[in-house]
Amino acid sequence: MPSTATRLLDRLKSWPLVILPHQLLSRLVRRVTRWRIFWWKHALIRLFIRRFAVDMSEARCDIADYPDFNSFFTRELKTGIRPLPPDPQAIISPVDGRVSAAGDIDGDRLIQAKDHRYSLTVLLGGEARHAAPFQGGRFATLYLSPRDYHRIHMPCDGRLTETIYVPGRLYSVAPHTTRAIPGLFTRNERLVCLFDTPAGPTALVMVGAIFVSCMETVWAGLINPETGMRRLITRYGQPDGPDVSLVRGEEMGRFNMGSTVILLYPQNRIRWVERLQPDRPLRMGEMIGHMIT
């Protein structure tokens, strides 16, 4: 349990974020990270690599090959560097990152951090029909730090049924902030992606954060926050609509700057591996769970 001093420090570091113009700052970051001035992008990339100890041995391209900073940040990995487990029932980590929390969903409540819980229904956009399949199920919250690989991959085979864009703030999702700000993941902008999978209905929630200039998916491209700041539901797989099916390990989206992914599964359909504990580092493609057959 965090000490009194740690909790006080978390609050001091986190609460100034309340007064920041989140969307404005993120739009500025979006513009700056796409400047294609050679000396600027080259210096920024090198500074970032040194500051966050980024492992470039896994990257497909050299520094000089990236046209701008954002291309480096959303860099592709070398082919075959992340082999998937041979077990077809395995659930894999969709990202590089670290476990923030994982476990059972208590009715409509999920754990954010010690002494902080939040609403499943609100997380998914406010409609009970979206939350119902996951009540009593399992969740995993995975935090991506600035140094991590920032593409998101499918944890299992899935067919997209619906997306829900939920506008909101862009608080930092760093560990000290999740410990300090109640309901953080229901306050921030997010994109809920709902899939039909062999493990039943599955949700992958992309949570925006401060300086995340935008999110994107392989089927819709950029998810632009300048859509009138209203909730937007898009259905897939209808007779007159697009059909999106992705296999385990296939890229499904990316963050343009770092953030958090939340995975949701129904009750009695999967089990997490025992090592899926808070603060454990993860690499995309490693087994984090197993379907129950």
Protein backbone atom coordinates (compact mmCIF):
# COMPACT_ATOMS: atom_id res chain seq x y z
CA MET A 1 0.00 0.00 0.00
CA PRO A 2 1.45 3.44 -0.89
CA SER A 3 2.71 5.46 2.04
CA THR A 4 1.17 8.77 3.07
CA ALA A 5 4.16 10.59 1.57
CA THR A 6 3.78 8.71 -1.73
CA ARG A 7 0.07 9.50 -1.93
CA LEU A 8 0.76 13.19 -1.22
CA LEU A 9 3.48 13.28 -3.89
CA ASP A 10 1.14 11.60 -6.40
CA ARG A 11 -1.49 14.29 -5.78
CA LEU A 12 1.02 17.13 -6.06
CA LYS A 13 2.28 15.78 -9.38
CA SER A 14 -1.19 15.01 -10.79
CA TRP A 15 -3.65 17.69 -9.80
CA PRO A 16 -2.00 20.57 -11.74
CA LEU A 17 -3.12 18.65 -14.85
CA VAL A 18 -6.68 19.70 -14.05
CA ILE A 19 -6.09 23.28 -15.24
CA LEU A 20 -4.14 22.43 -18.41
CA PRO A 21 -5.84 22.85 -21.82
CA HIS A 22 -5.48 19.17 -22.74
CA GLN A 23 -6.90 19.22 -26.25
CA LEU A 24 -5.00 22.35 -27.27
CA LEU A 25 -1.68 20.96 -26.04
CA SER A 26 -2.31 17.66 -27.80
CA ARG A 27 -3.11 19.43 -31.09
CA LEU A 28 0.16 21.36 -30.79
CA VAL A 29 2.07 18.14 -30.16
CA ARG A 30 0.39 16.56 -33.16
CA ARG A 31 1.62 19.38 -35.38
CA VAL A 32 5.15 19.57 -33.97
CA THR A 33 5.75 15.81 -34.14
CA ARG A 34 4.94 15.87 -37.86
CA TRP A 35 7.35 18.61 -38.88
CA ARG A 36 9.64 17.27 -41.60
CA ILE A 37 12.53 19.66 -41.04
CA PHE A 38 15.55 17.36 -41.07
CA TRP A 39 17.57 18.92 -38.24
CA TRP A 40 14.46 19.23 -36.05
CA LYS A 41 13.16 15.70 -36.36
CA HIS A 42 16.67 14.21 -36.19
CA ALA A 43 17.53 16.09 -33.00
CA LEU A 44 14.16 15.33 -31.42
CA ILE A 45 14.42 11.60 -32.17
CA ARG A 46 17.96 11.36 -30.80
CA LEU A 47 17.02 13.30 -27.66
CA PHE A 48 14.00 11.07 -27.09
CA ILE A 49 16.04 7.87 -27.53
CA ARG A 50 18.59 9.05 -24.95
CA ARG A 51 15.98 10.36 -22.50
CA PHE A 52 13.84 7.20 -22.49
CA ALA A 53 16.47 4.56 -23.34
CA VAL A 54 14.57 3.37 -26.42
CA ASP A 55 15.78 0.02 -27.78
CA MET A 56 16.29 0.66 -31.48
CA SER A 57 17.72 -2.80 -32.16
CA GLU A 58 14.13 -4.02 -32.67
CA ALA A 59 13.12 -1.25 -35.08
CA ARG A 60 12.77 -2.01 -38.76
CA CYS A 61 14.20 1.33 -39.89
CA ASP A 62 17.20 3.48 -39.02
CA ILE A 63 16.74 6.93 -37.50
CA ALA A 64 17.47 8.71 -40.79
CA ASP A 65 14.67 6.78 -42.53
CA TYR A 66 11.85 8.32 -40.47
CA PRO A 67 10.36 11.38 -42.21
CA ASP A 68 9.19 12.90 -38.91
CA PHE A 69 9.14 12.23 -35.17
CA ASN A 70 5.70 10.62 -35.21
CA SER A 71 6.84 8.05 -37.76
CA PHE A 72 9.65 7.12 -35.37
CA PHE A 73 7.31 7.02 -32.38
CA THR A 74 4.90 4.65 -34.14
CA ARG A 75 7.83 2.68 -35.58
CA GLU A 76 7.40 -0.80 -37.00
CA LEU A 77 9.32 -3.76 -35.56
CA LYS A 78 11.57 -6.08 -37.53
CA THR A 79 9.73 -9.01 -39.08
CA GLY A 80 9.58 -12.08 -36.85
CA ILE A 81 11.00 -10.41 -33.76
CA ARG A 82 7.87 -11.17 -31.70
CA PRO A 83 6.89 -14.82 -32.28
CA LEU A 84 3.42 -15.80 -31.06
CA PRO A 85 2.77 -18.77 -28.77
CA PRO A 86 1.91 -21.97 -30.72
CA ASP A 87 -1.18 -22.65 -28.58
CA PRO A 88 -4.20 -21.33 -30.58
CA GLN A 89 -6.14 -20.86 -27.32
CA ALA A 90 -3.57 -18.44 -25.93
CA ILE A 91 -4.47 -14.78 -25.37
CA ILE A 92 -1.49 -12.54 -26.14
CA SER A 93 -0.46 -9.13 -24.92
CA PRO A 94 -1.62 -6.61 -27.55
CA VAL A 95 1.14 -4.14 -26.63
CA ASP A 96 4.54 -3.57 -25.16
CA GLY A 97 4.05 -2.05 -21.75
CA ARG A 98 3.45 -2.80 -18.12
CA VAL A 99 0.51 -4.25 -16.20
CA SER A 100 -1.33 -1.51 -14.34
CA ALA A 101 -4.09 -3.80 -12.97
CA ALA A 102 -5.69 -7.13 -13.86
CA GLY A 103 -8.30 -9.45 -12.40
CA ASP A 104 -12.04 -9.97 -12.11
CA ILE A 105 -14.70 -7.37 -12.87
CA ASP A 106 -16.83 -6.97 -9.74
CA GLY A 107 -20.29 -6.51 -11.21
CA ASP A 108 -19.94 -3.13 -12.91
CA ARG A 109 -16.73 -2.12 -11.14
CA LEU A 110 -13.09 -2.33 -12.26
CA ILE A 111 -9.92 -1.62 -10.32
CA GLN A 112 -8.00 1.46 -11.43
CA ALA A 113 -5.48 1.48 -8.57
CA LYS A 114 -5.40 0.86 -4.82
CA ASP A 115 -8.59 2.39 -3.33
CA HIS A 116 -9.84 3.51 -6.77
CA ARG A 117 -12.56 1.71 -8.74
CA TYR A 118 -14.56 2.91 -11.71
CA SER A 119 -17.66 2.02 -13.71
CA LEU A 120 -17.54 -0.50 -16.56
CA THR A 121 -20.67 1.02 -18.10
CA VAL A 122 -19.21 4.54 -18.10
CA LEU A 123 -15.91 3.27 -19.50
CA LEU A 124 -17.74 1.77 -22.49
CA GLY A 125 -19.70 4.93 -23.26
CA GLY A 126 -22.66 4.83 -20.89
CA GLU A 127 -24.97 2.19 -22.40
CA ALA A 128 -25.82 -0.88 -20.32
CA ARG A 129 -26.04 -3.10 -23.41
CA HIS A 130 -22.32 -2.62 -24.06
CA ALA A 131 -21.33 -3.41 -20.48
CA ALA A 132 -23.65 -6.39 -19.86
CA PRO A 133 -21.48 -9.08 -21.58
CA PHE A 134 -18.49 -8.18 -19.40
CA GLN A 135 -20.06 -7.91 -15.95
CA GLY A 136 -18.39 -10.44 -13.68
CA GLY A 137 -15.79 -11.08 -16.38
CA ARG A 138 -12.07 -10.32 -16.50
CA PHE A 139 -10.05 -7.22 -17.29
CA ALA A 140 -6.44 -6.21 -17.81
CA THR A 141 -5.15 -2.64 -17.91
CA LEU A 142 -1.85 -2.23 -19.76
CA TYR A 143 0.18 1.00 -19.59
CA LEU A 144 2.45 2.09 -22.45
CA SER A 145 5.34 4.31 -21.40
CA PRO A 146 7.02 6.73 -23.83
CA ARG A 147 9.83 4.26 -24.56
CA ASP A 148 7.53 1.44 -25.62
CA TYR A 149 6.52 0.18 -29.06
CA HIS A 150 3.20 1.93 -29.72
CA ARG A 151 1.34 -0.24 -32.19
CA ILE A 152 -1.55 -2.31 -30.86
CA HIS A 153 -2.19 -5.88 -31.99
CA MET A 154 -5.07 -8.31 -31.64
CA PRO A 155 -4.95 -10.44 -28.47
CA CYS A 156 -6.96 -13.17 -30.26
CA ASP A 157 -8.81 -13.62 -33.55
CA GLY A 158 -11.76 -11.23 -33.79
CA ARG A 159 -14.46 -9.76 -36.00
CA LEU A 160 -15.22 -6.10 -35.32
CA THR A 161 -18.86 -5.42 -34.43
CA GLU A 162 -18.87 -1.85 -33.10
CA THR A 163 -16.70 1.09 -32.10
CA ILE A 164 -17.65 3.80 -29.62
CA TYR A 165 -15.70 7.05 -29.63
CA VAL A 166 -16.09 8.76 -26.24
CA PRO A 167 -14.82 12.36 -25.94
CA GLY A 168 -13.13 13.49 -22.76
CA ARG A 169 -10.11 15.01 -21.09
CA LEU A 170 -6.53 13.92 -21.71
CA TYR A 171 -5.03 13.43 -18.28
CA SER A 172 -1.70 11.65 -18.04
CA VAL A 173 -2.11 7.90 -17.51
CA ALA A 174 1.26 7.47 -15.79
CA PRO A 175 1.14 5.33 -12.61
CA HIS A 176 1.23 8.29 -10.22
CA THR A 177 -1.81 9.82 -11.97
CA THR A 178 -3.88 6.63 -11.94
CA ARG A 179 -3.22 6.42 -8.20
CA ALA A 180 -4.27 10.03 -7.63
CA ILE A 181 -7.22 10.88 -9.93
CA PRO A 182 -10.44 8.87 -9.33
CA GLY A 183 -12.20 7.53 -12.42
CA LEU A 184 -9.33 8.56 -14.66
CA PHE A 185 -10.12 6.09 -17.47
CA THR A 186 -13.75 7.24 -17.58
CA ARG A 187 -12.70 10.89 -17.78
CA ASN A 188 -10.25 10.57 -20.65
CA GLU A 189 -11.01 10.42 -24.34
CA ARG A 190 -11.18 6.81 -25.55
CA LEU A 191 -12.09 4.50 -28.39
CA VAL A 192 -13.94 1.31 -27.47
CA CYS A 193 -13.52 -1.50 -30.01
CA LEU A 194 -15.93 -4.43 -29.64
CA PHE A 195 -15.18 -7.79 -31.27
CA ASP A 196 -16.75 -11.21 -31.61
CA THR A 197 -14.00 -13.72 -30.79
CA PRO A 198 -13.60 -17.43 -29.96
CA ALA A 199 -13.60 -16.30 -26.31
CA GLY A 200 -16.93 -14.51 -26.74
CA PRO A 201 -17.49 -10.73 -26.87
CA THR A 202 -14.21 -8.88 -26.36
CA ALA A 203 -13.52 -5.21 -25.80
CA LEU A 204 -10.25 -3.43 -26.47
CA VAL A 205 -10.37 0.11 -25.13
CA MET A 206 -7.79 2.62 -26.35
CA VAL A 207 -7.50 5.37 -23.71
CA GLY A 208 -6.09 8.72 -24.80
CA ALA A 209 -3.72 10.73 -22.62
CA ILE A 210 -1.98 14.08 -22.40
CA PHE A 211 0.05 14.74 -25.56
CA VAL A 212 -1.56 11.76 -27.36
CA SER A 213 -2.11 13.80 -30.47
CA CYS A 214 -4.52 11.20 -31.88
CA MET A 215 -5.33 7.50 -32.01
CA GLU A 216 -5.83 5.48 -35.16
CA THR A 217 -7.07 2.09 -36.31
CA VAL A 218 -6.20 0.03 -39.38
CA TRP A 219 -9.81 0.13 -40.61
CA ALA A 220 -10.70 3.80 -40.05
CA GLY A 221 -7.38 5.65 -39.95
CA LEU A 222 -7.03 8.65 -37.64
CA ILE A 223 -9.59 9.03 -34.89
CA ASN A 224 -9.77 12.80 -34.90
CA PRO A 225 -10.92 14.40 -31.61
CA GLU A 226 -12.23 17.39 -33.58
CA THR A 227 -15.52 15.62 -34.38
CA GLY A 228 -17.65 17.99 -32.36
CA MET A 229 -16.60 16.31 -29.10
CA ARG A 230 -19.60 14.00 -29.03
CA ARG A 231 -19.97 10.29 -28.58
CA LEU A 232 -20.00 8.44 -31.88
CA ILE A 233 -21.05 4.80 -32.42
CA THR A 234 -20.10 2.98 -35.63
CA ARG A 235 -21.40 -0.53 -36.40
CA TYR A 236 -19.56 -3.08 -38.51
CA GLY A 237 -20.43 -6.39 -40.11
CA GLN A 238 -23.90 -5.23 -41.19
CA PRO A 239 -25.22 -6.25 -44.64
CA ASP A 240 -24.65 -2.75 -45.99
CA GLY A 241 -21.52 -1.94 -43.98
CA PRO A 242 -17.81 -2.79 -43.87
CA ASP A 243 -16.60 -6.11 -42.50
CA VAL A 244 -13.39 -6.11 -40.45
CA SER A 245 -11.84 -9.40 -39.33
CA LEU A 246 -8.36 -9.60 -37.80
CA VAL A 247 -6.26 -12.54 -36.66
CA ARG A 248 -4.32 -12.86 -33.43
CA GLY A 249 -1.16 -10.76 -33.56
CA GLU A 250 -2.34 -8.60 -36.47
CA GLU A 251 -2.02 -4.84 -36.02
CA MET A 252 -5.32 -3.16 -35.16
CA GLY A 253 -4.26 0.37 -34.26
CA ARG A 254 -1.68 2.67 -32.73
CA PHE A 255 -1.20 5.58 -30.36
CA ASN A 256 0.49 8.73 -31.62
CA MET A 257 2.25 9.21 -28.26
CA GLY A 258 1.77 6.93 -25.24
CA SER A 259 -1.29 5.77 -23.36
CA THR A 260 -3.21 2.76 -22.01
CA VAL A 261 -5.12 -0.24 -23.34
CA ILE A 262 -7.87 -1.99 -21.36
CA LEU A 263 -8.91 -5.54 -22.31
CA LEU A 264 -12.31 -6.96 -21.30
CA TYR A 265 -13.56 -10.57 -21.55
CA PRO A 266 -16.81 -12.24 -20.39
CA GLN A 267 -17.19 -14.36 -17.29
CA ASN A 268 -15.84 -17.94 -17.42
CA ARG A 269 -14.37 -17.56 -20.93
CA ILE A 270 -10.69 -16.91 -20.20
CA ARG A 271 -8.21 -17.08 -17.34
CA TRP A 272 -5.20 -14.83 -16.93
CA VAL A 273 -1.78 -16.37 -16.34
CA GLU A 274 -0.56 -16.10 -12.74
CA ARG A 275 2.31 -13.80 -13.65
CA LEU A 276 -0.09 -11.09 -14.93
CA GLN A 277 0.45 -8.93 -11.85
CA PRO A 278 0.71 -5.14 -11.39
CA ASP A 279 4.02 -3.61 -12.52
CA ARG A 280 5.03 -6.64 -14.57
CA PRO A 281 6.58 -5.63 -17.92
CA LEU A 282 5.03 -7.13 -21.07
CA ARG A 283 6.07 -7.58 -24.66
CA MET A 284 3.58 -7.72 -27.48
CA GLY A 285 2.90 -11.33 -28.43
CA GLU A 286 3.64 -13.00 -25.10
CA MET A 287 0.92 -15.16 -23.57
CA ILE A 288 -1.11 -13.38 -20.88
CA GLY A 289 -4.18 -15.63 -20.74
CA HIS A 290 -5.87 -18.77 -22.02
CA MET A 291 -9.36 -19.45 -23.34
CA ILE A 292 -11.49 -21.77 -21.25
CA THR A 293 -12.96 -24.55 -23.39
